[in-house]
Protein backbone atom coordinates (compact mmCIF):
# COMPACT_ATOMS: atom_id res chain seq x y z
CA MET A 1 -17.77 -15.83 -32.89
CA PRO A 2 -21.30 -15.16 -32.67
CA PRO A 3 -21.91 -11.51 -31.36
CA VAL A 4 -23.69 -13.42 -27.63
CA ALA A 5 -20.06 -14.50 -27.31
CA GLU A 6 -18.74 -11.80 -28.79
CA ARG A 7 -20.10 -9.76 -25.29
CA HIS A 8 -18.99 -13.18 -23.46
CA ASP A 9 -15.51 -13.46 -23.60
CA THR A 10 -14.02 -12.91 -19.88
CA TYR A 11 -16.65 -15.74 -19.30
CA ALA A 12 -15.35 -18.16 -22.05
CA ALA A 13 -10.70 -16.78 -20.88
CA ASP A 14 -12.45 -17.64 -17.62
CA PHE A 15 -13.99 -21.69 -18.03
CA GLU A 16 -10.77 -22.41 -20.65
CA ALA A 17 -8.43 -21.93 -17.78
CA PHE A 18 -10.47 -23.32 -15.27
CA ARG A 19 -11.19 -26.75 -17.76
CA GLU A 20 -7.50 -27.00 -17.01
CA THR A 21 -8.18 -27.98 -13.43
CA PRO A 22 -8.44 -30.70 -11.08
CA ALA A 23 -11.90 -29.07 -10.32
CA PHE A 24 -13.00 -28.73 -13.24
CA GLY A 25 -13.93 -32.50 -11.95
CA PRO A 26 -14.35 -36.47 -13.95
CA GLU A 27 -15.87 -36.84 -16.88
CA TRP A 28 -19.73 -36.94 -15.90
CA LEU A 29 -18.93 -33.17 -14.43
CA ARG A 30 -16.79 -31.85 -17.32
CA THR A 31 -19.32 -33.47 -19.55
CA ALA A 32 -22.98 -31.09 -17.84
CA ARG A 33 -20.11 -27.45 -17.20
CA SER A 34 -19.82 -27.92 -21.28
CA SER A 35 -23.64 -28.53 -21.69
CA ALA A 36 -24.14 -25.92 -18.95
CA PHE A 37 -22.24 -23.00 -20.40
CA ALA A 38 -22.22 -23.40 -24.11
CA ARG A 39 -26.36 -23.08 -23.59
CA PHE A 40 -25.27 -20.05 -20.99
CA ILE A 41 -23.02 -18.15 -24.19
CA GLU A 42 -26.36 -19.50 -26.42
CA ARG A 43 -28.90 -17.69 -24.62
CA GLY A 44 -27.07 -15.11 -22.83
CA PHE A 45 -28.07 -12.47 -19.80
CA PRO A 46 -32.30 -12.35 -19.68
CA SER A 47 -33.15 -8.73 -21.00
CA THR A 48 -36.94 -6.81 -19.93
CA ARG A 49 -38.00 -8.68 -22.99
CA ASP A 50 -37.90 -11.66 -21.40
CA GLU A 51 -41.59 -12.15 -18.88
CA GLU A 52 -39.75 -13.63 -16.62
CA TRP A 53 -37.11 -11.04 -16.37
CA LYS A 54 -40.15 -7.49 -17.30
CA PHE A 55 -39.00 -5.52 -14.30
CA THR A 56 -36.05 -6.49 -13.54
CA ASN A 57 -32.95 -5.30 -15.35
CA VAL A 58 -29.66 -6.75 -16.18
CA ALA A 59 -28.03 -4.89 -18.06
CA ALA A 60 -25.24 -3.66 -14.82
CA ILE A 61 -24.63 -7.15 -15.07
CA ALA A 62 -24.38 -8.10 -18.36
CA ALA A 63 -21.82 -4.91 -18.71
CA THR A 64 -19.35 -5.78 -15.97
CA SER A 65 -17.06 -8.20 -16.61
CA PHE A 66 -16.83 -10.70 -13.36
CA ARG A 67 -13.88 -12.64 -13.02
CA ARG A 68 -14.09 -16.40 -11.37
CA VAL A 69 -12.51 -15.77 -8.48
CA THR A 70 -9.41 -17.95 -7.56
CA GLY A 71 -7.40 -18.58 -4.42
CA GLY A 72 -7.94 -19.86 -1.07
CA PRO A 73 -9.95 -17.88 1.40
CA ARG A 74 -9.47 -14.24 2.48
CA VAL A 75 -11.65 -13.64 5.43
CA THR A 76 -10.40 -14.45 8.96
CA SER A 77 -12.58 -15.25 12.15
CA VAL A 78 -13.17 -11.59 12.86
CA GLU A 79 -15.09 -11.03 9.60
CA LEU A 80 -16.58 -13.84 10.30
CA GLU A 81 -18.37 -12.28 13.65
CA PRO A 82 -21.08 -10.27 12.54
CA PHE A 83 -22.63 -12.77 10.68
CA LEU A 84 -22.20 -15.81 13.54
CA PHE A 85 -25.56 -16.21 15.96
CA LYS A 86 -24.79 -14.83 19.77
CA THR A 87 -25.33 -18.68 20.33
CA PRO A 88 -22.76 -20.66 18.28
CA PHE A 89 -23.90 -23.57 16.82
CA GLY A 90 -22.21 -26.72 16.82
CA MET A 91 -22.16 -27.82 13.16
CA GLN A 92 -20.78 -25.42 11.07
CA ALA A 93 -20.19 -25.32 7.92
CA VAL A 94 -18.17 -22.36 5.90
CA VAL A 95 -18.21 -21.61 2.18
CA VAL A 96 -16.09 -18.51 0.60
CA ASN A 97 -15.91 -17.75 -2.67
CA GLY A 98 -17.51 -20.78 -3.40
CA ARG A 99 -15.06 -23.51 -1.53
CA LEU A 100 -16.00 -25.07 1.86
CA SER A 101 -13.24 -23.97 4.42
CA SER A 102 -12.27 -26.37 6.77
CA GLU A 103 -10.15 -23.70 8.62
CA LEU A 104 -13.36 -21.54 9.74
CA SER A 105 -16.07 -24.86 10.20
CA SER A 106 -16.75 -26.27 13.04
CA LEU A 107 -17.85 -30.01 11.67
CA GLY A 108 -15.78 -31.75 14.09
CA ASN A 109 -18.44 -33.30 16.13
CA LEU A 110 -21.43 -34.42 14.40
CA PRO A 111 -24.13 -36.00 15.23
CA ALA A 112 -25.27 -39.80 14.30
CA GLY A 113 -26.80 -39.46 11.30
CA VAL A 114 -25.75 -36.40 9.72
CA THR A 115 -22.97 -36.10 6.56
CA VAL A 116 -21.47 -32.22 5.76
CA SER A 117 -18.67 -32.40 2.90
CA GLY A 118 -18.06 -30.97 0.63
CA MET A 119 -19.45 -30.90 -3.32
CA ALA A 120 -15.85 -31.78 -4.55
CA GLU A 121 -15.81 -35.21 -1.91
CA ALA A 122 -19.82 -35.83 -3.25
CA MET A 123 -19.89 -35.41 -6.43
CA THR A 124 -16.32 -38.32 -7.40
CA ASP A 125 -17.41 -40.75 -10.53
CA GLN A 126 -20.52 -40.37 -10.17
CA PRO A 127 -23.62 -37.17 -9.63
CA PRO A 128 -25.29 -37.34 -5.79
CA LEU A 129 -28.33 -37.28 -6.96
CA GLU A 130 -28.91 -35.74 -10.41
CA GLY A 131 -31.17 -32.73 -9.29
CA PRO A 132 -32.99 -30.42 -11.14
CA SER A 133 -30.33 -27.88 -11.29
CA LEU A 134 -28.83 -29.62 -14.02
CA LYS A 135 -31.50 -29.81 -16.61
CA SER A 136 -32.36 -26.18 -15.63
CA ASP A 137 -31.70 -23.12 -18.53
CA HIS A 138 -32.27 -20.20 -15.76
CA PRO A 139 -29.31 -17.92 -16.77
CA PHE A 140 -27.99 -17.78 -13.55
CA VAL A 141 -28.21 -21.78 -12.60
CA LEU A 142 -26.25 -22.41 -15.67
CA LEU A 143 -23.28 -19.93 -15.08
CA ASN A 144 -23.61 -21.63 -11.53
CA THR A 145 -22.84 -25.14 -13.05
CA ALA A 146 -20.33 -24.46 -15.25
CA PHE A 147 -18.28 -22.39 -12.93
CA CYS A 148 -19.41 -23.84 -9.28
CA GLU A 149 -15.95 -25.72 -7.33
CA GLY A 150 -16.68 -26.68 -3.75
CA GLY A 151 -19.60 -25.99 -2.15
CA VAL A 152 -21.74 -28.31 0.70
CA PHE A 153 -23.53 -31.49 0.27
CA ILE A 154 -24.99 -32.61 3.78
CA HIS A 155 -27.13 -36.27 4.32
CA ILE A 156 -29.17 -36.48 6.54
CA ALA A 157 -30.20 -40.16 7.57
CA PRO A 158 -32.95 -42.36 7.17
CA LYS A 159 -34.80 -41.00 10.78
CA ALA A 160 -32.02 -39.09 11.85
CA VAL A 161 -33.17 -36.76 14.52
CA VAL A 162 -31.10 -33.55 14.48
CA THR A 163 -32.75 -30.73 17.33
CA GLU A 164 -29.63 -28.02 16.49
CA PRO A 165 -29.72 -26.07 13.11
CA ILE A 166 -26.93 -26.94 10.49
CA HIS A 167 -26.04 -23.57 10.00
CA VAL A 168 -23.77 -23.02 6.46
CA LEU A 169 -22.62 -19.52 6.17
CA PHE A 170 -21.98 -18.85 2.60
CA ILE A 171 -19.59 -15.64 2.69
CA SER A 172 -18.55 -13.35 -1.42
CA ALA A 173 -15.01 -11.68 -0.77
CA PRO A 174 -13.59 -10.96 -4.03
CA ALA A 175 -10.33 -9.26 -5.06
CA ALA A 176 -9.50 -5.92 -6.78
CA ASP A 177 -11.48 -7.37 -10.04
CA PRO A 178 -15.35 -7.57 -9.86
CA GLY A 179 -16.26 -11.41 -8.99
CA LEU A 180 -18.36 -14.01 -9.84
CA VAL A 181 -19.01 -16.44 -6.62
CA ALA A 182 -20.98 -20.07 -7.57
CA PRO A 183 -22.02 -21.75 -4.51
CA ARG A 184 -24.13 -24.27 -4.14
CA LEU A 185 -25.91 -26.22 -1.53
CA PHE A 186 -27.61 -29.73 -1.89
CA VAL A 187 -29.55 -31.13 1.14
CA VAL A 188 -30.43 -34.80 0.62
CA ALA A 189 -33.06 -35.13 3.94
CA GLY A 190 -33.96 -39.74 4.47
CA GLU A 191 -37.49 -41.55 5.59
CA GLN A 192 -38.91 -40.03 8.30
CA SER A 193 -35.75 -37.69 9.34
CA GLU A 194 -36.34 -34.39 11.28
CA SER A 195 -33.59 -30.91 10.50
CA SER A 196 -33.09 -27.40 10.69
CA ILE A 197 -31.01 -25.88 8.16
CA VAL A 198 -29.49 -22.07 7.98
CA GLU A 199 -28.68 -20.94 5.07
CA ASN A 200 -26.35 -17.88 5.43
CA TYR A 201 -25.38 -14.96 3.16
CA ALA A 202 -22.84 -12.47 3.59
CA GLY A 203 -20.44 -10.25 1.71
CA VAL A 204 -16.98 -8.03 2.62
CA GLY A 205 -14.98 -5.47 0.99
CA ALA A 206 -16.34 -2.91 -1.70
CA THR A 207 -15.77 -4.51 -4.59
CA PRO A 208 -19.17 -6.31 -6.58
CA VAL A 209 -19.42 -9.92 -6.80
CA LEU A 210 -21.80 -11.42 -8.78
CA THR A 211 -23.23 -14.61 -7.04
CA THR A 212 -24.77 -17.57 -8.78
CA ALA A 213 -26.16 -19.53 -5.68
CA VAL A 214 -27.94 -22.69 -6.34
CA THR A 215 -29.70 -25.37 -3.69
CA GLU A 216 -31.71 -28.28 -4.15
CA VAL A 217 -33.35 -29.69 -1.01
CA LEU A 218 -34.12 -33.20 -1.58
CA LEU A 219 -36.73 -34.99 1.19
CA GLY A 220 -37.61 -38.83 1.30
CA PRO A 221 -40.88 -39.26 2.19
CA GLY A 222 -42.14 -38.71 5.88
CA ALA A 223 -39.31 -36.10 6.11
CA MET A 224 -39.31 -32.78 8.03
CA VAL A 225 -37.31 -29.70 7.19
CA ASP A 226 -37.22 -25.89 8.87
CA HIS A 227 -35.55 -24.50 6.52
CA VAL A 228 -34.26 -20.38 6.92
CA LYS A 229 -31.95 -18.16 4.60
CA VAL A 230 -30.80 -15.52 5.31
CA GLN A 231 -29.15 -12.80 2.50
CA ARG A 232 -27.00 -10.19 4.02
CA GLU A 233 -24.55 -9.66 1.46
CA THR A 234 -22.29 -6.22 0.08
CA ALA A 235 -24.56 -3.28 -1.36
CA GLU A 236 -22.45 -4.38 -4.34
CA ALA A 237 -22.94 -6.70 -4.44
CA PHE A 238 -25.89 -9.12 -7.38
CA HIS A 239 -27.22 -11.78 -5.64
CA MET A 240 -29.03 -14.11 -8.79
CA ALA A 241 -30.55 -17.66 -6.33
CA SER A 242 -32.72 -20.20 -7.26
CA THR A 243 -33.80 -22.83 -4.97
CA PHE A 244 -35.23 -26.03 -6.04
CA VAL A 245 -37.12 -28.48 -3.26
CA HIS A 246 -39.10 -32.18 -4.22
CA LEU A 247 -41.26 -33.84 -1.81
CA HIS A 248 -41.69 -37.01 -1.70
CA ARG A 249 -44.45 -38.56 0.26
CA ALA A 250 -46.05 -37.15 3.16
CA SER A 251 -42.90 -35.13 4.04
CA THR A 252 -42.65 -31.44 5.31
CA PHE A 253 -40.52 -28.16 4.20
CA THR A 254 -40.35 -25.26 6.06
CA SER A 255 -39.52 -22.10 4.33
CA GLN A 256 -38.30 -18.51 5.49
CA ALA A 257 -35.87 -16.66 3.34
CA ILE A 258 -35.19 -12.75 4.78
CA THR A 259 -33.20 -11.21 2.00
CA PHE A 260 -31.55 -7.81 3.89
CA GLY A 261 -28.18 -7.27 0.77
CA GLY A 262 -27.43 -6.82 -2.43
CA ARG A 263 -27.86 -4.30 -5.50
CA ILE A 264 -29.85 -6.74 -7.50
CA ALA A 265 -31.25 -9.73 -4.89
CA ARG A 266 -33.02 -12.75 -7.75
CA ASN A 267 -34.87 -15.90 -5.64
CA ASP A 268 -36.33 -17.76 -7.33
CA ILE A 269 -37.50 -20.78 -6.13
CA THR A 270 -39.62 -24.38 -7.25
CA ALA A 271 -40.81 -26.48 -4.99
CA THR A 272 -42.59 -29.47 -6.49
CA LEU A 273 -45.05 -31.79 -4.21
CA ALA A 274 -44.46 -35.14 -6.09
CA GLY A 275 -45.67 -37.00 -2.94
CA ASP A 276 -48.79 -37.88 -1.58
CA GLY A 277 -49.75 -36.12 1.69
CA ALA A 278 -46.54 -33.44 1.34
CA GLU A 279 -46.16 -30.34 2.06
CA CYS A 280 -45.55 -26.67 2.11
CA THR A 281 -44.58 -23.39 3.10
CA LEU A 282 -42.90 -20.70 1.72
CA ASN A 283 -42.65 -17.67 3.53
CA GLY A 284 -40.50 -13.96 2.55
CA LEU A 285 -39.41 -10.86 4.39
CA TYR A 286 -37.28 -8.43 1.96
CA VAL A 287 -35.84 -4.96 3.41
CA ALA A 288 -35.22 -2.86 0.90
CA ASP A 289 -34.39 0.54 0.23
CA GLY A 290 -31.31 3.12 -1.74
CA GLU A 291 -31.68 1.65 -5.40
CA THR A 292 -31.84 -1.63 -4.30
CA LEU A 293 -34.20 -4.51 -6.46
CA VAL A 294 -35.54 -7.32 -4.56
CA ASP A 295 -37.52 -9.87 -6.99
CA THR A 296 -38.90 -12.87 -5.96
CA HIS A 297 -40.35 -15.32 -7.84
CA THR A 298 -42.13 -18.88 -6.51
CA THR A 299 -43.54 -21.89 -8.52
CA ILE A 300 -45.07 -24.68 -6.18
CA ASP A 301 -46.10 -27.34 -8.31
CA HIS A 302 -48.58 -29.46 -6.63
CA ALA A 303 -48.27 -33.09 -8.86
CA MET A 304 -50.41 -35.18 -6.57
CA PRO A 305 -53.34 -35.46 -4.25
CA HIS A 306 -53.91 -34.08 -0.74
CA CYS A 307 -51.09 -31.51 -0.89
CA PRO A 308 -51.43 -28.37 1.48
CA SER A 309 -49.23 -25.60 1.19
CA HIS A 310 -49.25 -22.06 2.57
CA GLU A 311 -47.20 -18.90 0.95
CA VAL A 312 -46.86 -15.72 2.53
CA TYR A 313 -44.23 -13.02 1.14
CA LYS A 314 -43.86 -9.01 2.55
CA GLY A 315 -41.58 -6.67 1.47
CA ILE A 316 -40.90 -2.86 3.13
CA LEU A 317 -39.65 -1.00 0.91
CA ALA A 318 -37.71 3.27 1.22
CA GLY A 319 -35.37 5.14 -1.38
CA ARG A 320 -36.27 4.36 -4.81
CA ALA A 321 -36.27 0.41 -3.56
CA LYS A 322 -38.42 -1.71 -6.44
CA ALA A 323 -39.18 -4.52 -5.41
CA VAL A 324 -40.57 -7.34 -7.78
CA PHE A 325 -43.25 -10.03 -6.26
CA ASN A 326 -44.76 -12.94 -8.61
CA GLY A 327 -46.26 -15.90 -7.41
CA LYS A 328 -47.47 -18.99 -9.28
CA ILE A 329 -49.13 -21.87 -8.32
CA ILE A 330 -50.10 -25.03 -10.27
CA VAL A 331 -52.77 -27.92 -9.17
CA ARG A 332 -51.75 -30.89 -12.16
CA PRO A 333 -54.81 -33.44 -13.12
CA ASP A 334 -53.63 -35.85 -10.53
CA ALA A 335 -53.20 -33.85 -7.61
CA GLN A 336 -57.44 -33.21 -6.49
CA LYS A 337 -57.92 -32.03 -3.10
CA THR A 338 -55.12 -29.57 -3.25
CA ASP A 339 -55.30 -26.92 -0.57
CA ALA A 340 -53.24 -23.43 -1.08
CA LYS A 341 -53.46 -20.10 0.14
CA GLN A 342 -51.25 -17.20 -0.90
CA THR A 343 -50.55 -13.72 0.37
CA ASN A 344 -48.09 -11.35 -0.94
CA LYS A 345 -48.01 -7.56 1.05
CA ALA A 346 -45.47 -5.35 1.01
CA LEU A 347 -45.15 -1.50 2.79
CA LEU A 348 -44.01 1.73 0.96
CA LEU A 349 -41.78 4.07 3.19
CA THR A 350 -41.36 6.16 1.06
CA ASP A 351 -43.71 7.61 -2.27
CA GLU A 352 -40.57 7.29 -4.74
CA ALA A 353 -40.60 3.65 -3.77
CA SER A 354 -42.30 0.40 -5.62
CA ILE A 355 -43.16 -2.74 -6.31
CA ASN A 356 -44.67 -5.00 -8.97
CA THR A 357 -47.06 -8.21 -7.75
CA LYS A 358 -48.02 -10.82 -9.77
CA PRO A 359 -50.21 -14.02 -8.03
CA GLN A 360 -50.40 -16.91 -10.92
CA LEU A 361 -52.80 -19.79 -10.18
CA GLU A 362 -52.53 -22.56 -13.07
CA ILE A 363 -55.40 -25.09 -11.46
CA PHE A 364 -56.14 -28.26 -14.13
CA ALA A 365 -58.05 -30.37 -10.86
CA ASP A 366 -61.81 -29.48 -10.08
CA ASP A 367 -61.58 -30.41 -6.54
CA VAL A 368 -59.32 -27.85 -4.75
CA LYS A 369 -59.39 -25.10 -2.74
CA CYS A 370 -57.48 -21.82 -3.96
CA THR A 371 -56.76 -18.78 -2.87
CA HIS A 372 -54.11 -15.88 -2.73
CA GLY A 373 -54.03 -11.68 -2.14
CA ALA A 374 -51.73 -9.36 -3.01
CA ALA A 375 -51.59 -5.22 -0.75
CA ILE A 376 -49.57 -2.52 -1.28
CA GLY A 377 -49.28 0.47 0.91
CA GLN A 378 -48.19 3.04 3.57
CA LEU A 379 -47.90 2.91 6.98
CA ASP A 380 -51.77 3.93 7.97
CA ALA A 381 -52.24 7.03 9.24
CA ASP A 382 -55.09 5.89 11.52
CA GLN A 383 -52.89 3.02 13.36
CA LEU A 384 -50.24 6.54 13.43
CA PHE A 385 -52.92 8.72 14.94
CA TYR A 386 -53.57 5.77 17.77
CA LEU A 387 -50.63 5.24 18.94
CA ARG A 388 -49.65 8.96 18.89
CA ALA A 389 -52.94 10.03 21.20
CA ARG A 390 -51.40 7.61 23.89
CA GLY A 391 -47.73 9.58 24.11
CA ILE A 392 -46.02 7.07 22.17
CA GLY A 393 -43.15 8.96 19.75
CA VAL A 394 -43.86 9.72 15.62
CA LEU A 395 -40.32 7.10 15.55
CA ASP A 396 -41.53 5.28 17.99
CA ALA A 397 -44.74 4.59 17.05
CA ARG A 398 -43.27 4.19 13.25
CA ASN A 399 -40.45 1.33 14.27
CA MET A 400 -43.87 -0.38 16.33
CA LEU A 401 -46.01 -1.13 12.81
CA ILE A 402 -42.72 -1.37 11.16
CA HIS A 403 -41.86 -4.22 13.31
CA ALA A 404 -46.18 -5.60 13.65
CA PHE A 405 -45.39 -6.18 9.82
CA ALA A 406 -42.50 -7.84 9.42
CA SER A 407 -43.53 -9.94 12.49
CA ASP A 408 -46.02 -12.29 10.60
CA VAL A 409 -42.67 -14.24 9.00
CA LEU A 410 -39.97 -13.46 12.04
CA ASN A 411 -42.04 -15.02 13.87
CA GLY A 412 -42.06 -18.20 11.97
CA ILE A 413 -38.15 -18.93 12.56
CA LYS A 414 -38.57 -22.03 15.26
CA HIS A 415 -35.08 -20.62 16.67
CA ASP A 416 -34.44 -18.03 19.28
CA ALA A 417 -30.95 -17.21 18.43
CA VAL A 418 -31.44 -16.55 14.27
CA ARG A 419 -34.67 -14.65 15.25
CA ASP A 420 -33.35 -12.23 17.28
CA ARG A 421 -30.23 -12.06 15.64
CA LEU A 422 -32.47 -11.11 11.94
CA GLU A 423 -34.11 -8.13 14.46
CA GLU A 424 -31.80 -7.08 15.27
CA VAL A 425 -30.49 -6.82 11.59
CA LEU A 426 -33.98 -4.66 10.25
CA VAL A 427 -33.41 -2.18 12.58
CA GLU A 428 -29.92 -1.43 12.51
CA LYS A 429 -31.07 -1.95 7.91
CA LEU A 430 -33.82 0.55 8.23
CA HIS A 431 -31.75 2.27 10.75
CA LEU A 432 -34.11 2.48 13.75
CA PRO A 433 -33.87 3.58 17.05
CA VAL A 434 -33.85 1.41 19.39
């Protein structure tokens, strides 16, 4: 057995055990799983010698023997409450350890044009749609493809208008051993449909967990999807997520990604504007303290003309936290009249916090407007002095400036219940007095 395979003998044993279960799936899926796992064994975990992982050391993941989490849900409705919103959503799918829980979900009264089911139901004799995740060589996507068992499939019918958000709550709850969880979300938005998706990750317990999350969103012509991703896993969690978005003609995708948890949190987001007039907005806020590492890699691929894109990512770092931001904009030769804007800003609350930021533009067309900018700094001393001179205490002045910094992203969340709860979590995360 090659050295790389020897280092992954726990995964290999679990994969062989998984192969003997009905959840391994139909023939096409069995083939995809086997191919993905073989590529993972061949390539292994990434190292800092890899350019895309230069500032993100996953040695702690490679050194831990994560076991595939088996068995039924270990989460009660009471344990879910901290991760819900004050205004209950009528459409709520709860996925525990990668498997959809009908008991904890609320999917009995779906509006016309909306289908929400487990991925196992959707993936019968053939794939619902062969998305880019099955072709990806990203190591954690390969692990997800090999081990995913359930997850959620959402289909919005053409011309359906869904005003209430569809809330998908992914809970990681491993037992005594460090657990491998492979959740997957697949969203298909039909032509000229409108919908909102809240993708929410959380964890319970103190056991280390490796979450290899994969999300795919396919927008038909003229479709509109408003997307919010929330990550609030435990301090012992490794959250390695990949999101693939494919936009057809005149479709619109808007995403606000909020990261509050995890020991290492990595988000790889790839949006392909594959139709004339498609529009994409990728905004994000990450908050980290202690020894946390938050890594965001985004790619917006302009493949067709007349496609605007907008991107604003902000980070708030305390303690010895580290962050990485790599934002890439690609403009293909046929993508004339592209208008792309990218901004990354980081607020460092301590001298030990740090960030590595790298904006990238790859432009192969001549009639375009593309801008990018990055700014890193601490709280403005003049602004603090201005507030204190008006009788505002040090902590209150500090809190006001931090909230103002984060508001650009949080205010982009359309639903009041989601926005209000995330503002509360921001206060809790930074230990700010209310």
